[in-house]
Protein backbone atom coordinates (compact mmCIF):
# COMPACT_ATOMS: atom_id res chain seq x y z
CA MET A 1 69.01 14.82 -71.54
CA PHE A 2 69.11 17.58 -68.99
CA GLN A 3 70.29 19.93 -71.62
CA SER A 4 67.09 19.29 -73.59
CA ILE A 5 65.03 20.16 -70.61
CA ILE A 6 66.90 23.28 -69.53
CA ASN A 7 65.80 26.36 -71.33
CA PRO A 8 68.36 29.11 -70.92
CA ASN A 9 65.82 31.66 -72.10
CA ASN A 10 63.29 30.73 -69.28
CA PRO A 11 65.11 29.74 -66.05
CA GLY A 12 61.79 29.65 -63.99
CA ARG A 13 60.35 27.08 -66.28
CA THR A 14 63.59 25.12 -66.11
CA TYR A 15 63.41 25.12 -62.28
CA ALA A 16 59.78 23.93 -62.21
CA LEU A 17 60.42 21.09 -64.58
CA GLY A 18 63.40 20.01 -62.56
CA TRP A 19 61.47 20.01 -59.33
CA LEU A 20 58.70 17.94 -60.92
CA LEU A 21 61.23 15.38 -62.09
CA ILE A 22 62.92 15.09 -58.68
CA SER A 23 59.62 14.80 -56.79
CA ASN A 24 58.51 11.93 -58.99
CA LEU A 25 61.81 10.12 -58.67
CA PHE A 26 62.20 10.63 -54.88
CA PRO A 27 58.68 11.15 -53.35
CA THR A 28 59.51 10.19 -49.74
CA ALA A 29 62.38 12.57 -49.67
CA VAL A 30 60.17 15.43 -50.85
CA TYR A 31 57.04 14.98 -48.62
CA ALA A 32 58.27 13.39 -45.35
CA ALA A 33 60.95 11.29 -43.91
CA THR A 34 60.07 7.77 -42.69
CA PRO A 35 59.07 7.90 -38.91
CA SER A 36 61.47 6.37 -36.50
CA PRO A 37 60.40 3.35 -34.37
CA GLU A 38 59.95 5.67 -31.38
CA GLU A 39 57.67 7.97 -33.37
CA MET A 40 55.66 5.01 -34.67
CA TRP A 41 55.16 3.75 -31.07
CA GLN A 42 53.89 7.17 -29.98
CA ILE A 43 51.44 7.21 -32.90
CA ILE A 44 50.18 3.73 -31.98
CA GLN A 45 49.75 4.71 -28.33
CA GLN A 46 47.76 7.82 -29.28
CA GLN A 47 45.51 5.78 -31.54
CA GLN A 48 44.97 3.19 -28.78
CA LYS A 49 44.03 5.96 -26.33
CA THR A 50 41.45 7.27 -28.78
CA ILE A 51 40.03 3.75 -29.23
CA ASP A 52 39.81 3.28 -25.43
CA GLU A 53 37.95 6.58 -24.99
CA LEU A 54 35.47 5.61 -27.70
CA GLN A 55 34.92 2.22 -26.07
CA GLN A 56 34.25 3.88 -22.68
CA GLN A 57 31.72 6.24 -24.25
CA LEU A 58 30.02 3.31 -25.96
CA SER A 59 29.94 1.32 -22.70
CA ALA A 60 28.39 4.28 -20.83
CA THR A 61 25.76 4.61 -23.53
CA ASP A 62 24.96 0.90 -23.31
CA GLN A 63 24.62 1.20 -19.51
CA LYS A 64 22.18 4.11 -19.80
CA VAL A 65 20.16 2.19 -22.37
CA SER A 66 20.12 -0.84 -20.05
CA GLU A 67 19.00 1.24 -17.04
CA THR A 68 16.25 2.85 -19.10
CA ALA A 69 15.11 -0.56 -20.30
CA ASP A 70 15.07 -1.87 -16.70
CA ALA A 71 12.99 1.10 -15.55
CA VAL A 72 10.56 0.64 -18.43
CA GLU A 73 10.34 -3.09 -17.68
CA ALA A 74 9.72 -2.44 -13.97
CA THR A 75 6.97 0.02 -14.79
CA ALA A 76 5.47 -2.43 -17.25
CA ASP A 77 5.55 -5.19 -14.60
CA VAL A 78 3.66 -3.00 -12.15
CA VAL A 79 1.09 -2.00 -14.74
CA GLU A 80 0.71 -5.59 -15.93
CA GLU A 81 0.30 -6.86 -12.38
CA VAL A 82 -2.39 -4.31 -11.62
CA VAL A 83 -4.20 -4.93 -14.93
CA VAL A 84 -4.08 -8.73 -14.65
CA GLN A 85 -5.09 -8.90 -11.02
CA ARG A 86 -7.60 -6.05 -10.94
CA THR A 87 -9.50 -7.03 -14.08
CA GLY A 88 -10.65 -10.28 -15.57
CA PRO A 89 -11.27 -11.12 -19.23
CA SER A 90 -14.61 -9.31 -19.06
CA GLY A 91 -12.92 -6.11 -17.90
CA VAL A 92 -14.70 -6.15 -14.53
CA GLU A 93 -12.35 -4.73 -11.92
CA LEU A 94 -11.20 -7.13 -9.23
CA ASP A 95 -10.38 -6.13 -5.70
CA PRO A 96 -7.19 -4.01 -5.62
CA ALA A 97 -5.93 -5.82 -2.54
CA HIS A 98 -5.28 -8.92 -4.65
CA THR A 99 -1.64 -8.33 -5.47
CA SER A 100 1.56 -9.71 -4.04
CA THR A 101 2.68 -6.21 -3.10
CA GLY A 102 -0.09 -5.69 -0.59
CA SER A 103 -2.39 -2.76 0.10
CA TYR A 104 -3.33 0.02 -2.29
CA ALA A 105 -1.11 2.47 -0.41
CA THR A 106 1.87 0.11 -0.66
CA ARG A 107 1.36 -0.50 -4.37
CA PHE A 108 0.90 3.23 -4.86
CA ALA A 109 4.24 3.95 -3.19
CA ARG A 110 6.13 1.28 -5.12
CA GLY A 111 4.34 1.33 -8.46
CA LEU A 112 4.35 5.05 -9.16
CA GLY A 113 7.75 5.52 -7.63
CA VAL A 114 9.88 3.67 -10.17
CA GLY A 115 13.16 5.54 -10.41
CA SER A 116 14.91 7.74 -7.87
CA GLY A 117 14.02 11.34 -7.21
CA ARG A 118 10.26 10.80 -7.60
CA THR A 119 7.89 12.58 -5.21
CA ILE A 120 4.31 11.33 -5.34
CA ILE A 121 0.98 12.64 -4.03
CA GLY A 122 -2.32 10.81 -3.74
CA GLY A 123 -5.18 10.30 -1.35
CA TYR A 124 -8.82 9.45 -0.76
CA GLY A 125 -11.95 10.80 0.90
CA GLU A 126 -15.54 9.91 1.74
CA LEU A 127 -18.75 11.80 2.54
CA HIS A 128 -21.51 9.97 4.46
CA TYR A 129 -25.15 10.51 5.27
CA ASN A 130 -26.55 8.23 8.01
CA ASN A 131 -30.25 7.95 8.81
CA LEU A 132 -30.48 5.40 11.63
CA GLU A 133 -33.19 4.88 14.24
CA ASP A 134 -32.41 3.40 17.67
CA GLU A 135 -34.77 0.46 18.09
CA ASN A 136 -33.83 0.14 21.78
CA ASP A 137 -34.26 3.75 22.88
CA THR A 138 -35.81 2.80 26.25
CA ILE A 139 -32.35 1.80 27.52
CA GLY A 140 -29.68 4.45 27.79
CA GLY A 141 -31.67 7.06 25.88
CA ASP A 142 -32.35 7.54 22.20
CA ASP A 143 -29.23 6.98 20.07
CA SER A 144 -30.89 7.60 16.73
CA SER A 145 -28.76 9.38 14.15
CA GLU A 146 -29.54 11.62 11.19
CA ARG A 147 -26.16 13.00 10.23
CA THR A 148 -24.12 14.26 7.31
CA ASP A 149 -20.38 13.91 7.81
CA PHE A 150 -17.31 14.31 5.62
CA HIS A 151 -15.89 11.35 7.47
CA ARG A 152 -12.36 11.26 6.08
CA PHE A 153 -10.08 13.43 3.96
CA VAL A 154 -6.70 11.78 3.38
CA LEU A 155 -3.54 12.79 1.53
CA TYR A 156 -0.63 10.50 0.63
CA PHE A 157 2.88 11.87 0.35
CA GLY A 158 5.79 9.73 -0.77
CA HIS A 159 9.31 10.11 -2.08
CA ASN A 160 11.81 7.74 -3.68
CA PHE A 161 15.35 8.49 -2.58
CA THR A 162 16.70 5.71 -4.81
CA ASP A 163 15.24 2.77 -6.70
CA ASP A 164 15.59 0.74 -3.47
CA LEU A 165 14.79 3.27 -0.74
CA ARG A 166 11.42 5.03 -0.41
CA PHE A 167 9.29 6.99 2.05
CA PHE A 168 5.51 6.95 2.34
CA SER A 169 3.02 8.77 4.58
CA GLU A 170 -0.72 9.16 5.11
CA LEU A 171 -2.17 12.27 6.72
CA GLU A 172 -5.87 12.24 7.59
CA VAL A 173 -8.47 14.75 8.72
CA GLU A 174 -11.51 13.10 10.31
CA HIS A 175 -14.96 14.71 10.48
CA SER A 176 -13.88 17.81 8.56
CA LEU A 177 -13.35 20.18 11.51
CA THR A 178 -10.67 20.06 14.21
CA GLY A 179 -9.95 22.22 17.21
CA SER A 180 -11.28 22.78 20.72
CA GLY A 181 -14.76 21.33 20.98
CA ALA A 182 -14.77 20.22 17.34
CA PRO A 183 -15.65 16.62 16.44
CA GLY A 184 -12.69 16.02 14.15
CA GLU A 185 -9.00 15.32 14.50
CA VAL A 186 -5.85 15.26 12.39
CA GLU A 187 -4.07 11.91 12.35
CA LEU A 188 -0.80 10.64 10.96
CA GLU A 189 -1.65 7.05 10.05
CA GLN A 190 1.47 6.12 8.07
CA ALA A 191 5.01 7.44 7.91
CA TRP A 192 7.51 4.74 7.03
CA LEU A 193 10.76 4.06 5.23
CA GLU A 194 11.15 0.92 3.14
CA TYR A 195 14.34 -0.58 1.72
CA ASP A 196 14.55 -3.33 -0.88
CA LEU A 197 17.02 -6.02 0.18
CA ASN A 198 16.50 -7.62 -3.22
CA ASN A 199 13.64 -8.18 -5.63
CA GLN A 200 11.77 -10.43 -3.19
CA HIS A 201 12.41 -9.06 0.32
CA ARG A 202 12.13 -5.64 1.98
CA ILE A 203 12.51 -4.10 5.42
CA ARG A 204 10.25 -1.32 6.70
CA ALA A 205 10.40 0.92 9.77
CA GLY A 206 8.23 3.74 11.07
CA LEU A 207 4.52 4.32 11.57
CA ASP A 208 2.55 1.73 9.66
CA ILE A 209 -0.84 0.02 9.25
CA LEU A 210 -0.76 -3.48 10.77
CA PRO A 211 -1.16 -6.34 8.24
CA ILE A 212 -4.38 -7.80 9.69
CA GLY A 213 -7.73 -8.32 7.99
CA LEU A 214 -9.07 -6.84 4.77
CA ILE A 215 -10.22 -3.34 5.71
CA ASN A 216 -7.20 -2.46 7.85
CA PRO A 217 -4.55 -2.64 5.07
CA THR A 218 -6.88 -1.55 2.23
CA HIS A 219 -9.64 0.82 3.32
CA GLU A 220 -10.04 3.26 0.43
CA PRO A 221 -13.82 3.73 -0.03
CA ASN A 222 -13.97 2.47 -3.61
CA THR A 223 -12.37 -0.86 -2.63
CA PHE A 224 -15.17 -2.27 -0.46
CA PHE A 225 -18.96 -2.57 -0.41
CA GLY A 226 -21.08 -0.56 1.98
CA VAL A 227 -20.94 3.02 3.21
CA GLU A 228 -19.42 2.32 6.62
CA ARG A 229 -16.60 -0.13 7.34
CA ASN A 230 -17.94 -3.42 8.67
CA ARG A 231 -18.33 -3.75 12.45
CA VAL A 232 -16.31 -6.96 12.82
CA GLU A 233 -13.19 -5.30 11.46
CA THR A 234 -13.72 -2.07 13.39
CA GLU A 235 -14.50 -3.65 16.78
CA ILE A 236 -12.47 -6.86 16.88
CA ILE A 237 -9.36 -6.08 14.78
CA PRO A 238 -9.82 -2.88 15.24
CA SER A 239 -9.52 -0.93 12.00
CA THR A 240 -7.95 1.41 11.25
CA TRP A 241 -5.08 0.26 13.45
CA TRP A 242 -1.52 1.53 13.11
CA GLU A 243 1.55 1.27 15.32
CA ALA A 244 5.23 2.18 15.32
CA GLY A 245 7.58 -0.67 14.55
CA ILE A 246 10.07 -2.41 12.32
CA GLY A 247 9.54 -5.44 10.15
CA ALA A 248 10.07 -7.34 6.93
CA ASN A 249 7.82 -8.26 4.04
CA GLY A 250 8.23 -9.99 0.74
CA GLU A 251 7.55 -13.00 -1.48
CA LEU A 252 8.43 -16.55 -0.44
CA ALA A 253 7.37 -18.05 -3.77
CA PRO A 254 5.11 -17.01 -6.65
CA GLY A 255 1.79 -16.07 -5.10
CA TRP A 256 3.00 -16.49 -1.50
CA ASN A 257 3.99 -13.43 0.53
CA TYR A 258 4.60 -12.65 4.18
CA ASP A 259 4.74 -9.83 6.74
CA LEU A 260 6.56 -9.84 10.10
CA VAL A 261 6.42 -6.79 12.39
CA MET A 262 7.63 -5.93 15.90
CA HIS A 263 5.65 -2.93 17.11
CA THR A 264 4.02 -0.99 19.92
CA GLY A 265 0.88 -2.49 21.42
CA LEU A 266 -2.58 -1.66 22.69
CA ARG A 267 -3.34 -0.33 26.15
CA VAL A 268 -6.96 -1.30 26.75
CA PRO A 269 -8.68 0.00 29.87
CA SER A 270 -9.39 -2.52 32.63
CA THR A 271 -12.27 -0.57 34.23
CA GLY A 272 -15.31 1.33 33.03
CA GLY A 273 -17.71 0.76 30.16
CA SER A 274 -14.86 0.24 27.65
CA ALA A 275 -13.02 -2.36 29.71
CA PHE A 276 -11.05 -4.79 27.53
CA ARG A 277 -12.44 -3.26 24.36
CA PRO A 278 -9.63 -3.50 21.75
CA ARG A 279 -10.73 -0.35 19.93
CA SER A 280 -10.45 1.66 23.14
CA GLY A 281 -6.83 0.56 23.54
CA ARG A 282 -5.43 2.25 20.42
CA LEU A 283 -2.96 4.97 21.43
CA LYS A 284 -2.13 5.85 17.79
CA VAL A 285 1.55 6.41 18.67
CA ALA A 286 0.78 9.80 20.21
CA GLU A 287 3.12 9.95 23.22
CA ALA A 288 2.11 6.33 23.76
CA ASP A 289 3.37 5.58 27.27
CA PHE A 290 3.40 2.33 29.25
CA GLN A 291 3.17 -0.06 26.32
CA ASP A 292 4.64 -3.52 25.97
CA VAL A 293 6.07 -4.71 22.70
CA ALA A 294 3.83 -6.73 20.40
CA ALA A 295 4.44 -8.87 17.33
CA THR A 296 2.31 -9.47 14.24
CA GLY A 297 2.76 -11.91 11.38
CA ARG A 298 0.78 -12.66 8.25
CA LEU A 299 0.96 -15.20 5.43
CA ARG A 300 -1.04 -14.59 2.23
CA TYR A 301 -1.70 -16.44 -0.99
CA THR A 302 -2.59 -14.36 -4.06
CA GLY A 303 -1.46 -16.70 -6.83
CA ILE A 304 -4.87 -16.81 -8.53
CA PRO A 305 -6.18 -13.56 -10.07
CA GLY A 306 -8.94 -12.16 -7.89
CA LEU A 307 -8.17 -14.40 -4.90
CA GLU A 308 -6.66 -13.61 -1.53
CA VAL A 309 -6.41 -16.15 1.29
CA ALA A 310 -4.61 -15.09 4.45
CA VAL A 311 -4.00 -15.91 8.08
CA ALA A 312 -2.57 -13.43 10.59
CA GLY A 313 -1.62 -13.64 14.23
CA GLN A 314 -0.57 -11.22 16.94
CA TYR A 315 0.82 -11.54 20.47
CA GLN A 316 0.78 -8.84 23.14
CA SER A 317 2.59 -9.49 26.41
CA ASP A 318 0.40 -7.04 28.33
CA ILE A 319 -2.64 -5.67 26.52
CA THR A 320 -3.51 -3.37 29.46
CA GLY A 321 -0.08 -1.72 29.44
CA THR A 322 2.64 -1.60 32.05
CA LEU A 323 1.15 1.07 34.32
CA ASP A 324 -0.93 -1.38 36.39
CA ASN A 325 0.37 -4.15 38.62
CA PHE A 326 -0.89 -7.12 36.57
CA ASP A 327 -0.17 -8.56 33.14
CA ILE A 328 -2.73 -9.85 30.68
CA ASP A 329 -1.36 -11.76 27.71
CA ALA A 330 -3.43 -11.42 24.57
CA TYR A 331 -3.51 -13.33 21.29
CA LEU A 332 -5.30 -12.24 18.14
CA LEU A 333 -5.99 -14.69 15.33
CA GLU A 334 -7.49 -13.55 12.02
CA SER A 335 -8.18 -15.38 8.78
CA HIS A 336 -10.04 -14.43 5.63
CA VAL A 337 -10.90 -15.38 2.09
CA ASP A 338 -11.62 -12.76 -0.54
CA TYR A 339 -12.47 -13.83 -4.06
CA ARG A 340 -13.77 -11.91 -7.05
CA HIS A 341 -14.27 -13.85 -10.25
CA ALA A 342 -13.86 -12.25 -13.66
CA SER A 343 -17.59 -12.71 -14.18
CA GLY A 344 -18.22 -10.26 -11.33
CA LEU A 345 -19.30 -12.74 -8.65
CA GLY A 346 -17.51 -12.19 -5.36
CA LEU A 347 -17.32 -13.46 -1.81
CA ARG A 348 -15.65 -12.15 1.33
CA ALA A 349 -15.48 -14.13 4.56
CA LEU A 350 -13.49 -13.19 7.66
CA TYR A 351 -13.06 -14.47 11.21
CA ALA A 352 -11.13 -12.73 14.02
CA ARG A 353 -10.72 -13.73 17.67
CA TRP A 354 -9.02 -12.39 20.79
CA GLU A 355 -7.90 -14.63 23.67
CA MET A 356 -6.79 -12.98 26.94
CA PHE A 357 -5.05 -14.71 29.86
CA ALA A 358 -4.30 -13.19 33.25
CA ASP A 359 -0.89 -13.51 34.85
CA GLY A 360 -1.95 -12.49 38.33
CA GLY A 361 -4.34 -9.70 39.26
CA LEU A 362 -7.52 -9.06 37.30
CA ASP A 363 -8.72 -12.00 35.24
CA PRO A 364 -10.72 -11.06 32.11
CA ALA A 365 -12.54 -14.40 32.38
CA LEU A 366 -14.27 -13.18 35.56
CA VAL A 367 -16.01 -10.43 33.59
CA GLY A 368 -16.70 -12.36 30.41
CA ALA A 369 -13.97 -10.64 28.38
CA ASP A 370 -11.41 -13.42 28.02
CA ARG A 371 -12.63 -14.18 24.50
CA LEU A 372 -13.88 -11.68 21.93
CA ASP A 373 -14.58 -12.78 18.39
CA GLY A 374 -16.48 -11.91 15.26
CA TRP A 375 -17.08 -13.03 11.71
CA TYR A 376 -18.92 -11.99 8.57
CA LEU A 377 -19.93 -13.37 5.21
CA GLU A 378 -20.39 -11.05 2.20
CA PRO A 379 -21.49 -12.31 -1.24
CA SER A 380 -21.62 -9.75 -4.05
CA TYR A 381 -21.99 -9.30 -7.77
CA ARG A 382 -20.39 -6.55 -9.85
CA PHE A 383 -21.16 -5.90 -13.51
CA ASN A 384 -20.49 -3.36 -16.23
CA LEU A 385 -23.36 -1.06 -17.20
CA GLY A 386 -22.11 -0.67 -20.76
CA GLY A 387 -19.94 2.08 -22.14
CA HIS A 388 -17.17 3.99 -20.42
CA THR A 389 -19.45 6.72 -19.05
CA LEU A 390 -21.82 4.45 -17.10
CA GLY A 391 -19.16 2.45 -15.28
CA ASP A 392 -19.89 -0.55 -13.03
CA MET A 393 -22.67 -1.46 -10.62
CA GLY A 394 -22.38 -3.86 -7.70
CA VAL A 395 -24.88 -5.37 -5.27
CA PHE A 396 -24.03 -7.10 -2.00
CA ALA A 397 -25.37 -8.57 1.22
CA ARG A 398 -23.41 -8.96 4.47
CA TYR A 399 -24.18 -10.86 7.66
CA SER A 400 -21.96 -10.07 10.65
CA VAL A 401 -21.68 -11.35 14.22
CA TRP A 402 -19.37 -9.81 16.83
CA ASP A 403 -18.81 -9.26 20.56
CA GLU A 404 -18.93 -5.75 21.93
CA ARG A 405 -19.33 -3.89 25.23
CA ASN A 406 -22.98 -3.08 25.84
CA GLY A 407 -22.38 0.37 27.32
CA ILE A 408 -24.67 -0.24 30.29
CA THR A 409 -23.14 -2.64 32.79
CA VAL A 410 -19.40 -2.54 33.45
CA PHE A 411 -17.51 -5.66 32.37
CA ARG A 412 -20.45 -7.20 30.49
CA TYR A 413 -20.31 -8.11 26.83
CA GLN A 414 -23.07 -9.00 24.39
CA GLU A 415 -23.09 -10.65 21.00
CA PHE A 416 -24.38 -8.45 18.20
CA ASP A 417 -25.49 -9.41 14.72
CA GLN A 418 -26.13 -7.18 11.72
CA VAL A 419 -27.57 -7.60 8.23
CA VAL A 420 -26.61 -5.08 5.53
CA VAL A 421 -27.76 -5.04 1.88
CA GLY A 422 -26.91 -2.41 -0.66
CA LEU A 423 -25.24 -1.38 -3.87
CA ASN A 424 -22.20 0.47 -5.16
CA TRP A 425 -21.95 2.41 -8.41
CA TRP A 426 -18.50 3.08 -9.85
CA PRO A 427 -18.71 5.75 -12.61
CA HIS A 428 -14.92 5.43 -12.57
CA PRO A 429 -12.85 2.65 -10.94
CA ASN A 430 -11.53 5.17 -8.41
CA VAL A 431 -14.92 6.77 -7.59
CA ALA A 432 -17.83 5.08 -5.79
CA VAL A 433 -21.40 6.10 -4.95
CA LYS A 434 -22.91 3.88 -2.23
CA PHE A 435 -26.26 3.02 -0.65
CA ASP A 436 -27.10 0.40 1.96
CA TYR A 437 -29.74 -0.55 4.53
CA GLN A 438 -28.91 -2.18 7.88
CA TRP A 439 -30.66 -4.11 10.67
CA GLU A 440 -29.06 -4.82 14.06
CA ASP A 441 -29.89 -7.17 16.93
CA ALA A 442 -28.22 -8.44 20.11
CA ASP A 443 -28.61 -11.37 22.50
CA GLY A 444 -29.32 -9.13 25.50
CA ASN A 445 -30.20 -5.63 26.62
CA VAL A 446 -27.90 -3.14 24.94
CA ASP A 447 -27.66 0.61 24.70
CA ALA A 448 -28.45 0.96 20.99
CA LEU A 449 -29.67 -1.10 18.07
CA ARG A 450 -29.61 1.01 14.91
CA ASP A 451 -31.71 0.24 11.87
CA GLY A 452 -31.83 2.46 8.81
CA PHE A 453 -30.03 3.49 5.65
CA ASN A 454 -26.68 5.06 4.72
CA LEU A 455 -25.57 7.04 1.67
CA GLY A 456 -22.01 7.79 0.69
CA ILE A 457 -19.60 8.92 -1.98
CA GLY A 458 -15.90 8.16 -2.03
CA TYR A 459 -12.81 8.49 -4.19
CA GLN A 460 -9.13 7.73 -4.37
CA PHE A 461 -6.38 9.06 -6.63
């Protein structure tokens, strides 16, 4: 057989044919020898290592996808919460304070700051024109006012260090011009750090607005009716009121949220025309000496869109400070209801009251200052003018009653009342043009009773 294949005249061809025959008969011997068990084990280990690396890469990809989905969901939750609670079925914007996360500034810091490494900037401002005539100019001189004033220019600065740790601040210039002899001043109203313990509870420390009333936590000009902030919340609470402290806030159940703060207190004067006036006791955490610690707590219900019901309380162990030789305990109680229906009808009602008790020394009851209170009622109606360019219009009326120093006789207080009617126009939800007319009265002789009108524009971003 081999002889028939071998061609003596062409040895190369004979060699090729032979090699082809051998390779077909013994293929494993030609191409490769069978691996040993040790070599097979090494091959299996290498393949398993490759599989493990691919699984790790797939797991990392899944984690990134999950984190992205969580961030998108968190952002969507914030947007949905704002949309649901700020607007009704008709599209009329509800009050921005009606959310479980609190004030506009707080929601701004949390809502826009989803994800670490985010630095955010915002702010608000308002320009006022007041034309008020003193109806009681025979006492204490004429306190009429015809004034244009860029009352407030505010910038927000915030930064998210992580998803759970954030910083927020509010820097304000009042009355446009500061310096020696100038009417304005620069104020740091907020500068706090907040850490999420979990999805429901947070701790906060630093310089912060106290959680009392409606105007104090949420005072951006497009969020309330009227050019000027109402007198009950500026004299009795007194807004805007911030202190240095540490506290906790969060949700107890759906619609129920709380705030607890330990903070610096007021130091009201005990002599002079401003004696025991809460507003005169604000030290604004500017080298605030001789203060006793104070505590504030608030419980709110916001479970119904457009509704906020709250009660807040505060205790100060010595509202006159520690410099004098007597202590005066002070308690502040505040409660309010704020409701804006999707139809545009709204109602605000608030009551606030101070009680002061002497522990030796000067007794506020001897000078009629042991109890200071105030309340107001504000019905309103807001409606859309049709089309995106015209925006919304709102009309309101407010009746207020409050106690205040009269500025004439030391240690004497009078009860004031004020009627304000007016309108707001929102060409954009974050921009407001305002007009109102006011009448004031008092139950005794006072320094000034101002009647007249106010114009204003305001914005937030």
